[in-house]
Amino acid sequence: MEFNLQSDFKPAGDQPQAIETLVNGVEEKHKHQVLLGITGSGKTFAMANVVQKLQRPTLVIAHNKTLAAQLYNEFQNFFPENAVEYFVSYYDYYQPEAYIPGRDLYIDKELQMNERIEQERFSTVASLVSRPDVITIGTVSAIYGLNPPEVFQQNHLRLEIGQNADPQEVVRDLVGLQYRRVTGEITRGDIRLRGEVLDIWMPSRDDPIRVRFGWQGIERIQVCEAVSWEVLDEFEEAWIHPREFYMTSEESFNQALEDIEHELEDRIGWFEENGMDIEAHRLEGRTKFDLEMLNEIGSCKGVENYSRHFDRRKKGERSYCLLDFFSNNAEKFHGGSERYLVIMDESHVTLPQVGGMYGGDFSRKKNLIDHGFRLPSAYDNRPLRIDEFQKLVPQMMYVSATPGERELRHLAEVTGQKVPQELLHVGGGGGSKVAELKKRTKSSTMEDTISKIEGVVRMEIRPTGLLDPKIVVKPTKGQVQHLMSEINARVKKDERVLVTVMTIKFAEEVAEYLDRNGIKAHYLHSEIDTLERTEIIKALRLGHIDVIVGINLLREGLDIPEVSLVAIFDADKQGFLRNE
């Protein structure tokens, strides 16, 4: 199926020339491009048109879940007939395992998973291995470990009408894919066989599948409503993916256990040689307990730390990630493993974020490994390094209203231009190489820097004709009362307001104060569940609430046409404005 962009609007302003330039750049195999699009110039619409013209699977990376959710909704509207997927971290709360040597404090891993997000992640992977028309909106989760695409493809079950299959054999195959067999109520990841009717609820689907068997095998494959079991649709065939993301063969599993035991023996020996008996004893006890759990139930707490052994990877070798699924999809459906596209939205924030993931993970793991809490192979359960990421991505577009220094330098490098003096203090290769200078020696405005680099694609005309908003600076004295009067004026016009503050606590206090005074307000910050954030923004657009009070996450990339006023508290404080 081809990508089919559906919109009532056509590219306008300087969108057509930007789209044409970007498309030509990809077709001419330019590895990196930069799109500078001012706020309101229609960058998302331009991206959608690029995807439509190129007809390639595309990964759009955003720097937070809220922006990713907005992009996801917009791309769903643009491509209703295609597979638009959402791939972000499925943790609503995540406290990683850590050790603080100075306080001799071990912090165990704590997490709270979001089942709906896990469903979306399954749907992403299932689409990438089974259909050519996939657009995925994700975050830095895209650079974290997954099973190899080949494992996901090999471990699946295809059912089709007319197939000569026995219900009991199909059930055995599904149990082999780690599905739970139940006799009562069915939930995601369960199967239920009643006579000649087999119900399967894949983790990636909202509704279960019902397979009806007859004398000649499979007679009907139906999608049913989960409560009433009313038939919603019928298929000729169904592709059933595994219940779990991570799977391995029995042979590989047993070999991995042996490798873990060998690594444990070597590490204990190293600790004892260096007089670190406490660390040796700690590591032996923890690892042997994990091995017992793996032998008994096939899993253990922190099993991901042994992923190098289960994946059969070499020491230091990167783990598989979502980019490998895109490469596999491009090779399978588009004639080459490099025929996919990565778009990095709000790149001035997202690129440093991608680059920083590995360093934070390494420093945390180092303390755990040095003090006997984990085996050294835990180092290889990690996100991609920035150099691995840049090497893995075949072609990428940096998109931002204010491109960062790393992106501009990277564009100059890949196009063979001289790197301006004012960019020599940032790392080359999109952050993957060490900078020549430790600090900036020459200052200049962003406009001056951009003028020295050829090839920056610009979108500086708003098709809507909107002008830049007026900026008004008010004293802090009486600021809340003044804000309330401004909000009331907007509410009378059926318009909305965003308020940004510096801290989570202050956001909640301001929202509660406004609510007590008759203004429909809600706070929005990182401690709110991923999907709830999207609902809050939707409520604002529909008029169920008039004001959102949030922290700095509101200032990057959100596009809410109904908002006519953005009120910024403490705009002069360090931490609000960008450093560049």
Protein backbone atom coordinates (compact mmCIF):
# COMPACT_ATOMS: atom_id res chain seq x y z
CA MET A 1 0.00 0.00 0.00
CA GLU A 2 1.28 3.49 -0.86
CA PHE A 3 1.39 6.45 1.50
CA ASN A 4 -1.73 8.49 0.77
CA LEU A 5 -1.74 12.02 2.20
CA GLN A 6 -5.25 13.35 2.75
CA SER A 7 -5.75 17.06 3.44
CA ASP A 8 -8.09 19.86 2.42
CA PHE A 9 -5.07 22.12 1.95
CA LYS A 10 -2.26 22.30 -0.58
CA PRO A 11 1.29 23.46 0.18
CA ALA A 12 1.44 27.25 0.21
CA GLY A 13 3.86 30.08 0.95
CA ASP A 14 7.39 28.74 0.80
CA GLN A 15 6.29 25.18 1.62
CA PRO A 16 6.40 23.98 -2.04
CA GLN A 17 10.04 24.96 -2.59
CA ALA A 18 11.05 23.55 0.81
CA ILE A 19 9.32 20.23 0.07
CA GLU A 20 10.90 20.02 -3.38
CA THR A 21 14.38 20.80 -2.03
CA LEU A 22 14.12 18.21 0.74
CA VAL A 23 12.78 15.52 -1.59
CA ASN A 24 15.52 16.19 -4.14
CA GLY A 25 18.10 16.05 -1.37
CA VAL A 26 16.94 12.60 -0.28
CA GLU A 27 16.82 11.30 -3.86
CA GLU A 28 20.33 12.66 -4.44
CA LYS A 29 21.42 10.69 -1.35
CA HIS A 30 22.22 13.70 0.85
CA LYS A 31 22.79 12.09 4.25
CA HIS A 32 21.69 15.08 6.36
CA GLN A 33 19.54 18.13 5.70
CA VAL A 34 18.35 21.01 7.89
CA LEU A 35 14.86 22.52 7.69
CA LEU A 36 14.50 25.87 9.43
CA GLY A 37 10.79 26.55 9.76
CA ILE A 38 9.46 29.36 11.89
CA THR A 39 6.64 28.63 14.33
CA GLY A 40 3.39 28.37 12.38
CA SER A 41 5.02 27.81 8.98
CA GLY A 42 3.57 24.29 8.70
CA LYS A 43 6.61 22.10 9.33
CA THR A 44 4.49 19.02 10.12
CA PHE A 45 2.50 19.45 6.90
CA ALA A 46 5.74 19.82 4.97
CA MET A 47 7.11 16.63 6.57
CA ALA A 48 3.93 14.78 5.59
CA ASN A 49 4.30 15.94 1.99
CA VAL A 50 7.92 14.78 1.92
CA VAL A 51 6.83 11.31 3.11
CA GLN A 52 4.06 11.25 0.48
CA LYS A 53 6.46 12.12 -2.35
CA LEU A 54 9.27 9.79 -1.26
CA GLN A 55 7.02 6.80 -0.40
CA ARG A 56 9.47 5.58 2.25
CA PRO A 57 8.91 4.31 5.81
CA THR A 58 9.67 7.16 8.18
CA LEU A 59 10.65 7.57 11.82
CA VAL A 60 9.89 10.97 13.36
CA ILE A 61 11.78 11.49 16.64
CA ALA A 62 10.56 14.10 19.14
CA HIS A 63 12.14 15.04 22.45
CA ASN A 64 9.17 14.37 24.75
CA LYS A 65 6.02 12.26 24.86
CA THR A 66 3.64 15.22 24.73
CA LEU A 67 5.05 16.57 21.48
CA ALA A 68 5.26 13.02 20.10
CA ALA A 69 1.56 12.50 20.88
CA GLN A 70 0.61 15.70 19.08
CA LEU A 71 2.64 14.72 16.02
CA TYR A 72 1.08 11.26 16.16
CA ASN A 73 -2.44 12.71 16.05
CA GLU A 74 -1.54 15.05 13.19
CA PHE A 75 0.07 12.30 11.08
CA GLN A 76 -2.91 10.03 11.76
CA ASN A 77 -5.15 12.71 10.26
CA PHE A 78 -2.83 13.15 7.27
CA PHE A 79 -2.48 9.40 6.60
CA PRO A 80 -5.71 7.68 7.77
CA GLU A 81 -5.20 4.70 5.43
CA ASN A 82 -1.60 3.99 6.47
CA ALA A 83 0.08 2.58 9.58
CA VAL A 84 0.86 5.60 11.76
CA GLU A 85 2.38 4.29 15.00
CA TYR A 86 3.40 5.69 18.40
CA PHE A 87 6.61 4.41 20.00
CA VAL A 88 7.59 5.91 23.36
CA SER A 89 8.71 4.57 26.72
CA TYR A 90 6.01 2.42 28.32
CA TYR A 91 6.95 3.51 31.83
CA ASP A 92 4.71 6.01 33.58
CA TYR A 93 7.24 5.89 36.42
CA TYR A 94 10.77 4.53 36.23
CA GLN A 95 13.48 4.53 38.91
CA PRO A 96 16.50 2.69 37.49
CA GLU A 97 18.71 0.42 39.56
CA ALA A 98 21.62 2.41 41.00
CA TYR A 99 24.34 2.39 43.66
CA ILE A 100 25.78 5.46 45.42
CA PRO A 101 29.22 4.45 46.79
CA GLY A 102 29.68 7.54 48.98
CA ARG A 103 26.61 6.62 51.03
CA ASP A 104 26.81 2.85 50.48
CA LEU A 105 23.24 3.12 49.21
CA TYR A 106 21.74 0.63 46.78
CA ILE A 107 18.54 1.74 45.01
CA ASP A 108 16.46 -1.07 43.56
CA LYS A 109 14.63 -0.66 40.27
CA GLU A 110 11.03 0.54 40.54
CA LEU A 111 8.67 1.00 37.66
CA GLN A 112 5.06 1.43 36.67
CA MET A 113 4.20 0.24 33.16
CA ASN A 114 1.48 1.67 30.97
CA GLU A 115 -0.33 -1.20 29.20
CA ARG A 116 -1.77 1.07 26.52
CA ILE A 117 1.69 2.34 25.56
CA GLU A 118 3.00 -1.23 25.52
CA GLN A 119 0.18 -2.05 23.10
CA GLU A 120 1.25 0.84 20.85
CA ARG A 121 4.86 -0.41 20.88
CA PHE A 122 3.74 -3.91 19.87
CA SER A 123 1.65 -2.40 17.11
CA THR A 124 4.69 -0.48 15.82
CA VAL A 125 6.89 -3.55 15.59
CA ALA A 126 4.10 -5.71 14.13
CA SER A 127 3.48 -3.10 11.39
CA LEU A 128 7.17 -2.78 10.56
CA VAL A 129 7.59 -6.50 9.95
CA SER A 130 4.34 -6.98 8.04
CA ARG A 131 3.54 -3.90 5.90
CA PRO A 132 5.42 -1.30 3.81
CA ASP A 133 3.51 1.89 4.68
CA VAL A 134 4.68 2.70 8.23
CA ILE A 135 5.21 6.11 9.84
CA THR A 136 6.32 5.95 13.45
CA ILE A 137 6.33 8.89 15.85
CA GLY A 138 8.73 8.17 18.70
CA THR A 139 11.12 9.52 21.29
CA VAL A 140 14.62 8.46 22.38
CA SER A 141 13.05 5.06 23.18
CA ALA A 142 13.90 4.32 19.55
CA ILE A 143 17.59 3.93 20.48
CA TYR A 144 17.02 1.42 23.31
CA GLY A 145 17.27 -2.35 23.01
CA LEU A 146 14.80 -4.71 21.31
CA ASN A 147 14.96 -8.27 20.02
CA PRO A 148 16.42 -8.59 16.49
CA PRO A 149 13.77 -8.16 13.75
CA GLU A 150 14.55 -11.67 12.50
CA VAL A 151 13.47 -13.16 15.85
CA PHE A 152 10.16 -11.33 15.71
CA GLN A 153 9.59 -12.45 12.12
CA GLN A 154 10.52 -16.07 12.74
CA ASN A 155 8.38 -16.35 15.86
CA HIS A 156 4.92 -15.71 14.52
CA LEU A 157 1.88 -17.65 13.38
CA ARG A 158 0.00 -17.04 10.14
CA LEU A 159 -3.62 -18.21 9.96
CA GLU A 160 -5.76 -18.08 6.82
CA ILE A 161 -9.21 -19.20 5.72
CA GLY A 162 -9.11 -22.67 4.24
CA GLN A 163 -5.95 -23.62 6.12
CA ASN A 164 -6.08 -27.26 7.22
CA ALA A 165 -5.31 -26.69 10.90
CA ASP A 166 -6.31 -28.44 14.09
CA PRO A 167 -7.44 -26.14 16.97
CA GLN A 168 -5.27 -27.95 19.52
CA GLU A 169 -2.17 -27.64 17.32
CA VAL A 170 -2.82 -23.92 16.85
CA VAL A 171 -3.14 -23.52 20.63
CA ARG A 172 0.20 -25.30 21.13
CA ASP A 173 1.83 -22.96 18.61
CA LEU A 174 0.38 -19.93 20.41
CA VAL A 175 1.59 -21.17 23.80
CA GLY A 176 5.01 -21.44 22.16
CA LEU A 177 4.66 -17.72 21.40
CA GLN A 178 4.16 -17.22 25.17
CA TYR A 179 0.38 -16.61 25.03
CA ARG A 180 -1.52 -17.56 28.21
CA ARG A 181 -4.29 -20.12 27.85
CA VAL A 182 -7.37 -19.29 29.91
CA THR A 183 -10.84 -20.71 30.26
CA GLY A 184 -12.67 -17.68 31.64
CA GLU A 185 -12.44 -13.98 30.85
CA ILE A 186 -9.87 -13.08 28.20
CA THR A 187 -7.45 -10.12 28.31
CA ARG A 188 -4.56 -8.97 26.13
CA GLY A 189 -1.99 -11.73 25.69
CA ASP A 190 -4.55 -14.51 26.36
CA ILE A 191 -6.05 -17.28 24.21
CA ARG A 192 -9.21 -19.29 24.86
CA LEU A 193 -10.43 -22.40 23.07
CA ARG A 194 -14.10 -23.39 23.38
CA GLY A 195 -14.98 -26.28 21.12
CA GLU A 196 -14.25 -25.16 17.54
CA VAL A 197 -13.91 -21.46 18.43
CA LEU A 198 -10.48 -20.01 19.30
CA ASP A 199 -10.23 -16.48 20.73
CA ILE A 200 -6.87 -14.68 20.47
CA TRP A 201 -6.15 -11.26 21.92
CA MET A 202 -2.84 -9.94 20.63
CA PRO A 203 -1.09 -7.31 22.82
CA SER A 204 -1.02 -4.86 19.89
CA ARG A 205 -4.79 -4.84 19.23
CA ASP A 206 -7.75 -3.08 20.83
CA ASP A 207 -10.05 -5.98 19.97
CA PRO A 208 -9.60 -9.78 20.07
CA ILE A 209 -9.64 -12.10 17.06
CA ARG A 210 -12.04 -15.04 16.85
CA VAL A 211 -11.05 -18.02 14.68
CA ARG A 212 -13.80 -20.51 13.76
CA PHE A 213 -12.79 -24.04 12.75
CA GLY A 214 -14.80 -26.56 10.69
CA TRP A 215 -14.31 -29.90 9.01
CA GLN A 216 -11.99 -28.39 6.42
CA GLY A 217 -9.91 -26.34 8.88
CA ILE A 218 -10.26 -22.60 9.42
CA GLU A 219 -13.60 -21.27 8.15
CA ARG A 220 -13.71 -17.68 9.45
CA ILE A 221 -11.35 -15.12 11.01
CA GLN A 222 -13.26 -12.31 12.75
CA VAL A 223 -12.39 -9.21 14.75
CA CYS A 224 -14.81 -8.92 17.66
CA GLU A 225 -15.75 -6.30 20.25
CA ALA A 226 -14.07 -7.23 23.54
CA VAL A 227 -17.18 -7.16 25.76
CA SER A 228 -20.18 -8.14 23.60
CA TRP A 229 -18.15 -10.17 21.07
CA GLU A 230 -20.08 -8.48 18.29
CA VAL A 231 -18.31 -9.05 14.95
CA LEU A 232 -16.61 -5.83 13.79
CA ASP A 233 -14.73 -7.09 10.73
CA GLU A 234 -13.63 -10.23 8.90
CA PHE A 235 -10.21 -11.12 7.47
CA GLU A 236 -8.93 -13.65 4.96
CA GLU A 237 -5.79 -14.15 7.04
CA ALA A 238 -4.24 -13.08 10.36
CA TRP A 239 -0.59 -12.59 11.32
CA ILE A 240 -0.18 -13.44 15.03
CA HIS A 241 2.93 -11.96 16.63
CA PRO A 242 4.54 -13.11 19.92
CA ARG A 243 3.06 -12.09 23.23
CA GLU A 244 6.41 -10.75 24.48
CA PHE A 245 8.93 -8.41 22.85
CA TYR A 246 11.86 -10.55 23.95
CA MET A 247 12.07 -14.15 22.80
CA THR A 248 14.85 -16.67 22.28
CA SER A 249 15.11 -20.32 21.30
CA GLU A 250 15.62 -23.02 23.93
CA GLU A 251 19.10 -23.72 22.56
CA SER A 252 20.12 -20.05 22.73
CA PHE A 253 18.58 -19.74 26.18
CA ASN A 254 20.58 -22.65 27.60
CA GLN A 255 23.77 -21.40 25.97
CA ALA A 256 23.17 -17.95 27.46
CA LEU A 257 22.90 -19.45 30.96
CA GLU A 258 26.24 -21.21 30.46
CA ASP A 259 27.84 -17.97 29.27
CA ILE A 260 26.50 -16.11 32.30
CA GLU A 261 28.01 -18.76 34.60
CA HIS A 262 31.39 -18.50 32.86
CA GLU A 263 31.33 -14.71 33.11
CA LEU A 264 30.42 -14.96 36.79
CA GLU A 265 33.39 -17.27 37.50
CA ASP A 266 35.79 -14.92 35.73
CA ARG A 267 34.46 -11.85 37.54
CA ILE A 268 34.54 -13.50 40.97
CA GLY A 269 38.15 -14.48 40.29
CA TRP A 270 39.01 -10.91 39.37
CA PHE A 271 37.44 -9.53 42.56
CA GLU A 272 39.26 -12.08 44.75
CA GLU A 273 42.60 -11.32 43.08
CA ASN A 274 42.12 -7.66 43.89
CA GLY A 275 41.11 -8.27 47.52
CA MET A 276 37.47 -7.34 46.98
CA ASP A 277 35.85 -10.25 48.82
CA ILE A 278 32.67 -8.36 49.71
CA GLU A 279 32.04 -7.50 46.07
CA ALA A 280 32.78 -11.11 45.03
CA HIS A 281 30.33 -12.49 47.59
CA ARG A 282 27.65 -9.96 46.65
CA LEU A 283 27.96 -10.69 42.93
CA GLU A 284 27.92 -14.46 43.44
CA GLY A 285 24.76 -14.36 45.55
CA ARG A 286 22.83 -12.02 43.26
CA THR A 287 23.80 -13.69 40.00
CA LYS A 288 23.20 -17.25 41.19
CA PHE A 289 19.74 -16.23 42.39
CA ASP A 290 19.05 -14.77 38.91
CA LEU A 291 20.25 -18.01 37.29
CA GLU A 292 17.93 -20.06 39.50
CA MET A 293 14.98 -17.86 38.52
CA LEU A 294 15.90 -18.11 34.84
CA ASN A 295 16.09 -21.89 35.10
CA GLU A 296 12.78 -22.18 36.94
CA ILE A 297 10.50 -19.59 35.31
CA GLY A 298 12.50 -18.32 32.33
CA SER A 299 12.90 -14.78 33.63
CA CYS A 300 14.21 -12.77 36.56
CA LYS A 301 14.25 -9.22 37.85
CA GLY A 302 16.66 -7.19 35.74
CA VAL A 303 16.86 -9.87 33.03
CA GLU A 304 17.63 -7.13 30.50
CA ASN A 305 21.12 -6.87 32.01
CA TYR A 306 21.92 -10.26 30.49
CA SER A 307 20.64 -9.30 27.01
CA ARG A 308 24.10 -9.56 25.45
CA HIS A 309 24.15 -13.29 26.20
CA PHE A 310 20.59 -13.92 25.03
CA ASP A 311 21.13 -11.95 21.79
CA ARG A 312 24.45 -13.76 21.18
CA ARG A 313 26.22 -10.40 20.81
CA LYS A 314 29.94 -9.78 21.22
CA LYS A 315 31.36 -7.66 24.02
CA GLY A 316 30.78 -3.98 23.29
CA GLU A 317 28.45 -4.67 20.38
CA ARG A 318 25.37 -2.46 20.29
CA SER A 319 21.94 -3.90 20.97
CA TYR A 320 19.24 -4.08 18.32
CA CYS A 321 16.74 -1.22 18.32
CA LEU A 322 13.80 0.23 16.39
CA LEU A 323 16.12 1.47 13.63
CA ASP A 324 16.95 -2.16 12.81
CA PHE A 325 13.24 -2.81 12.25
CA PHE A 326 13.09 0.15 9.85
CA SER A 327 16.14 -1.17 8.01
CA ASN A 328 14.53 -4.61 7.79
CA ASN A 329 11.26 -3.07 6.55
CA ALA A 330 13.08 -1.02 3.89
CA GLU A 331 14.96 -4.07 2.62
CA LYS A 332 11.86 -6.26 2.58
CA PHE A 333 9.42 -3.83 0.95
CA HIS A 334 11.40 -0.95 -0.61
CA GLY A 335 14.39 -2.52 -2.32
CA GLY A 336 17.22 -1.65 0.08
CA SER A 337 17.99 -1.53 3.80
CA GLU A 338 18.81 2.20 3.60
CA ARG A 339 15.57 3.27 1.92
CA TYR A 340 13.95 4.76 5.00
CA LEU A 341 13.96 8.24 6.45
CA VAL A 342 14.51 9.70 9.93
CA ILE A 343 13.10 13.14 10.77
CA MET A 344 14.36 14.70 14.00
CA ASP A 345 11.78 17.26 15.15
CA GLU A 346 12.88 20.13 17.41
CA SER A 347 16.40 18.93 16.67
CA HIS A 348 18.07 21.61 18.82
CA VAL A 349 16.67 19.71 21.85
CA THR A 350 16.34 16.15 20.51
CA LEU A 351 19.89 15.72 19.18
CA PRO A 352 21.62 16.58 22.51
CA GLN A 353 19.09 14.33 24.25
CA VAL A 354 19.97 11.37 22.00
CA GLY A 355 23.66 12.06 22.60
CA GLY A 356 23.29 12.19 26.37
CA MET A 357 21.48 8.89 26.89
CA TYR A 358 24.56 6.67 26.67
CA GLY A 359 26.68 8.73 29.10
CA GLY A 360 24.06 8.69 31.84
CA ASP A 361 23.47 4.97 31.44
CA PHE A 362 27.21 4.17 31.49
CA SER A 363 27.98 6.13 34.66
CA ARG A 364 25.10 4.45 36.51
CA LYS A 365 26.11 0.97 35.35
CA LYS A 366 29.75 1.57 36.22
CA ASN A 367 28.96 1.94 39.92
CA LEU A 368 26.83 -1.22 39.87
CA ILE A 369 29.51 -3.27 38.09
CA ASP A 370 32.49 -1.94 40.07
CA HIS A 371 30.82 -2.83 43.38
CA GLY A 372 29.55 -6.31 42.52
CA PHE A 373 25.87 -5.65 41.84
CA ARG A 374 26.03 -6.57 38.16
CA LEU A 375 28.24 -8.48 35.73
CA PRO A 376 30.27 -6.44 33.21
CA SER A 377 27.97 -7.64 30.42
CA ALA A 378 25.36 -5.25 31.86
CA TYR A 379 27.29 -2.46 30.09
CA ASP A 380 25.95 -3.82 26.80
CA ASN A 381 22.31 -3.40 27.82
CA ARG A 382 22.38 0.22 26.77
CA PRO A 383 21.06 2.84 24.37
CA LEU A 384 22.97 3.63 21.21
CA ARG A 385 25.98 5.91 21.44
CA ILE A 386 25.60 9.05 19.34
CA ASP A 387 28.24 7.82 16.87
CA GLU A 388 26.36 4.50 16.48
CA PHE A 389 23.11 6.39 15.95
CA GLN A 390 24.58 8.67 13.29
CA LYS A 391 26.19 5.71 11.52
CA LEU A 392 22.98 3.66 11.61
CA VAL A 393 20.68 6.37 10.20
CA PRO A 394 20.88 6.36 6.38
CA GLN A 395 19.30 9.78 5.79
CA MET A 396 18.02 12.32 8.30
CA MET A 397 16.32 15.70 8.34
CA TYR A 398 16.91 18.05 11.25
CA VAL A 399 13.75 20.14 11.71
CA SER A 400 13.54 23.15 14.02
CA ALA A 401 12.53 26.80 14.23
CA THR A 402 15.95 27.42 15.77
CA PRO A 403 18.47 24.80 14.55
CA GLY A 404 21.22 24.12 17.06
CA GLU A 405 24.96 24.48 16.54
CA ARG A 406 25.49 20.72 16.20
CA GLU A 407 23.03 20.42 13.30
CA LEU A 408 24.49 23.42 11.48
CA ARG A 409 28.04 22.12 11.85
CA HIS A 410 26.95 18.67 10.71
CA LEU A 411 25.36 20.14 7.56
CA ALA A 412 28.54 22.05 6.77
CA GLU A 413 30.62 18.88 7.20
CA VAL A 414 28.51 16.53 5.06
CA THR A 415 28.27 19.10 2.25
CA GLY A 416 32.02 19.76 2.23
CA GLN A 417 31.81 23.36 3.44
CA LYS A 418 34.25 25.09 5.74
CA VAL A 419 33.02 24.95 9.34
CA PRO A 420 32.57 28.51 10.66
CA GLN A 421 34.85 29.54 13.55
CA GLU A 422 31.89 30.04 15.87
CA LEU A 423 30.97 26.34 15.55
CA LEU A 424 34.36 24.78 16.33
CA HIS A 425 33.51 24.43 20.04
CA VAL A 426 30.71 21.90 19.36
CA GLY A 427 31.28 18.28 18.44
CA GLY A 428 31.38 17.33 14.77
CA GLY A 429 29.48 14.53 13.08
CA GLY A 430 26.22 15.53 14.73
CA GLY A 431 27.79 15.24 18.19
CA SER A 432 29.78 12.06 17.49
CA LYS A 433 33.22 13.69 17.22
CA VAL A 434 35.26 15.71 19.70
CA ALA A 435 35.26 19.47 19.18
CA GLU A 436 38.48 21.27 18.25
CA LEU A 437 37.94 23.98 20.86
CA LYS A 438 36.86 23.61 24.49
CA LYS A 439 34.86 26.84 24.50
CA ARG A 440 33.48 29.39 22.11
CA THR A 441 36.11 31.89 20.90
CA LYS A 442 33.89 33.88 18.59
CA SER A 443 30.32 34.92 19.28
CA SER A 444 27.68 35.58 16.65
CA THR A 445 23.93 35.49 16.25
CA MET A 446 22.24 32.40 14.88
CA GLU A 447 21.26 34.36 11.77
CA ASP A 448 24.91 35.27 11.11
CA THR A 449 26.01 31.65 11.56
CA ILE A 450 23.29 30.30 9.28
CA SER A 451 24.19 32.84 6.59
CA LYS A 452 27.68 31.29 6.39
CA ILE A 453 26.33 27.78 5.67
CA GLU A 454 24.75 26.89 2.35
CA GLY A 455 21.95 24.38 2.08
CA VAL A 456 19.70 25.30 5.04
CA VAL A 457 16.14 24.88 3.78
CA ARG A 458 13.95 27.73 5.02
CA MET A 459 10.23 28.12 5.64
CA GLU A 460 9.65 31.66 6.87
CA ILE A 461 6.17 32.44 5.55
CA ARG A 462 3.09 31.43 7.50
CA PRO A 463 0.43 30.17 5.05
CA THR A 464 -2.22 31.38 7.51
CA GLY A 465 -0.94 34.94 7.28
CA LEU A 466 -0.51 35.17 11.06
CA LEU A 467 2.08 37.63 12.34
CA ASP A 468 4.44 37.19 15.27
CA PRO A 469 2.66 37.77 18.59
CA LYS A 470 3.19 40.97 20.54
CA ILE A 471 5.58 40.58 23.47
CA VAL A 472 4.62 42.49 26.62
CA VAL A 473 6.79 42.58 29.77
CA LYS A 474 4.96 43.12 33.06
CA PRO A 475 6.31 43.60 36.61
CA THR A 476 6.02 40.66 39.03
CA LYS A 477 4.00 42.68 41.52
CA GLY A 478 0.36 41.72 41.16
CA GLN A 479 1.18 39.29 38.35
CA VAL A 480 -1.42 36.66 39.28
CA GLN A 481 -4.27 39.18 39.43
CA HIS A 482 -3.17 40.67 36.11
CA LEU A 483 -3.00 37.17 34.63
CA MET A 484 -6.56 36.42 35.76
CA SER A 485 -7.90 39.55 34.08
CA GLU A 486 -6.12 38.60 30.84
CA ILE A 487 -7.49 35.05 31.05
CA ASN A 488 -11.05 36.28 31.59
CA ALA A 489 -10.75 38.52 28.53
CA ARG A 490 -9.64 35.53 26.41
CA VAL A 491 -12.36 33.25 27.81
CA LYS A 492 -15.04 35.74 26.73
CA LYS A 493 -13.71 35.39 23.17
CA ASP A 494 -13.70 31.57 23.41
CA GLU A 495 -9.89 31.52 23.28
CA ARG A 496 -7.37 29.55 25.35
CA VAL A 497 -4.33 30.38 27.48
CA LEU A 498 -1.02 28.66 28.27
CA VAL A 499 0.88 29.59 31.43
CA THR A 500 4.48 28.40 31.87
CA VAL A 501 6.26 28.34 35.20
CA MET A 502 9.58 26.97 36.49
CA THR A 503 8.59 24.16 38.87
CA ILE A 504 6.06 21.35 39.11
CA LYS A 505 4.85 22.51 42.52
CA PHE A 506 4.24 26.07 41.35
CA ALA A 507 2.36 24.79 38.27
CA GLU A 508 -0.02 22.84 40.50
CA GLU A 509 -0.47 25.77 42.90
CA VAL A 510 -1.27 28.25 40.11
CA ALA A 511 -3.72 25.83 38.46
CA GLU A 512 -5.50 25.17 41.76
CA TYR A 513 -5.66 28.91 42.54
CA LEU A 514 -7.19 29.69 39.14
CA ASP A 515 -9.66 26.82 39.56
CA ARG A 516 -10.76 28.13 42.97
CA ASN A 517 -11.42 31.48 41.36
CA GLY A 518 -13.78 30.12 38.75
CA ILE A 519 -11.32 29.64 35.88
CA LYS A 520 -11.23 26.16 34.32
CA ALA A 521 -7.53 25.33 34.60
CA HIS A 522 -5.35 22.23 34.73
CA TYR A 523 -1.64 21.68 35.27
CA LEU A 524 0.58 19.70 32.91
CA HIS A 525 4.04 18.34 33.75
CA SER A 526 6.27 15.28 33.49
CA GLU A 527 4.67 13.44 36.42
CA ILE A 528 1.34 13.13 34.60
CA ASP A 529 0.77 9.87 32.71
CA THR A 530 1.67 9.94 29.03
CA LEU A 531 -1.82 9.40 27.68
CA GLU A 532 -3.40 11.73 30.24
CA ARG A 533 -1.23 14.58 28.93
CA THR A 534 -2.76 14.12 25.49
CA GLU A 535 -6.26 14.15 26.98
CA ILE A 536 -5.53 17.41 28.83
CA ILE A 537 -4.40 19.11 25.62
CA LYS A 538 -7.46 17.77 23.82
CA ALA A 539 -9.68 19.12 26.62
CA LEU A 540 -8.10 22.55 26.17
CA ARG A 541 -8.77 22.54 22.44
CA LEU A 542 -12.39 21.45 22.94
CA GLY A 543 -12.99 24.15 25.57
CA HIS A 544 -13.53 21.81 28.53
CA ILE A 545 -10.71 23.76 30.18
CA ASP A 546 -9.50 27.26 29.34
CA VAL A 547 -5.99 27.30 30.81
CA ILE A 548 -3.08 24.86 31.04
CA VAL A 549 -0.35 25.67 33.53
CA GLY A 550 2.85 23.80 32.76
CA ILE A 551 6.60 23.80 33.10
CA ASN A 552 9.12 24.28 30.31
CA LEU A 553 7.94 21.27 28.30
CA LEU A 554 5.17 23.55 26.99
CA ARG A 555 7.54 25.84 25.14
CA GLU A 556 8.98 23.31 22.70
CA GLY A 557 6.95 22.44 19.65
CA LEU A 558 3.32 22.36 20.84
CA ASP A 559 0.96 23.81 18.26
CA ILE A 560 -2.47 24.69 19.66
CA PRO A 561 -4.35 27.08 17.32
CA GLU A 562 -6.98 27.96 19.93
CA VAL A 563 -4.35 29.56 22.21
CA SER A 564 -4.16 33.34 21.91
CA LEU A 565 -2.09 34.11 25.03
CA VAL A 566 1.06 32.56 26.45
CA ALA A 567 1.92 33.91 29.90
CA ILE A 568 5.48 33.25 31.10
CA PHE A 569 6.30 33.46 34.80
CA ASP A 570 9.96 34.04 35.74
CA ALA A 571 11.08 34.42 32.12
CA ASP A 572 14.24 36.15 33.35
CA LYS A 573 15.32 33.21 35.52
CA GLN A 574 18.17 30.92 34.51
CA GLY A 575 16.82 27.70 33.04
CA PHE A 576 13.98 29.19 31.04
CA LEU A 577 15.90 30.58 28.08
CA ARG A 578 18.23 28.51 25.90
CA ASN A 579 21.96 28.82 26.44
CA GLU A 580 22.85 29.08 22.76
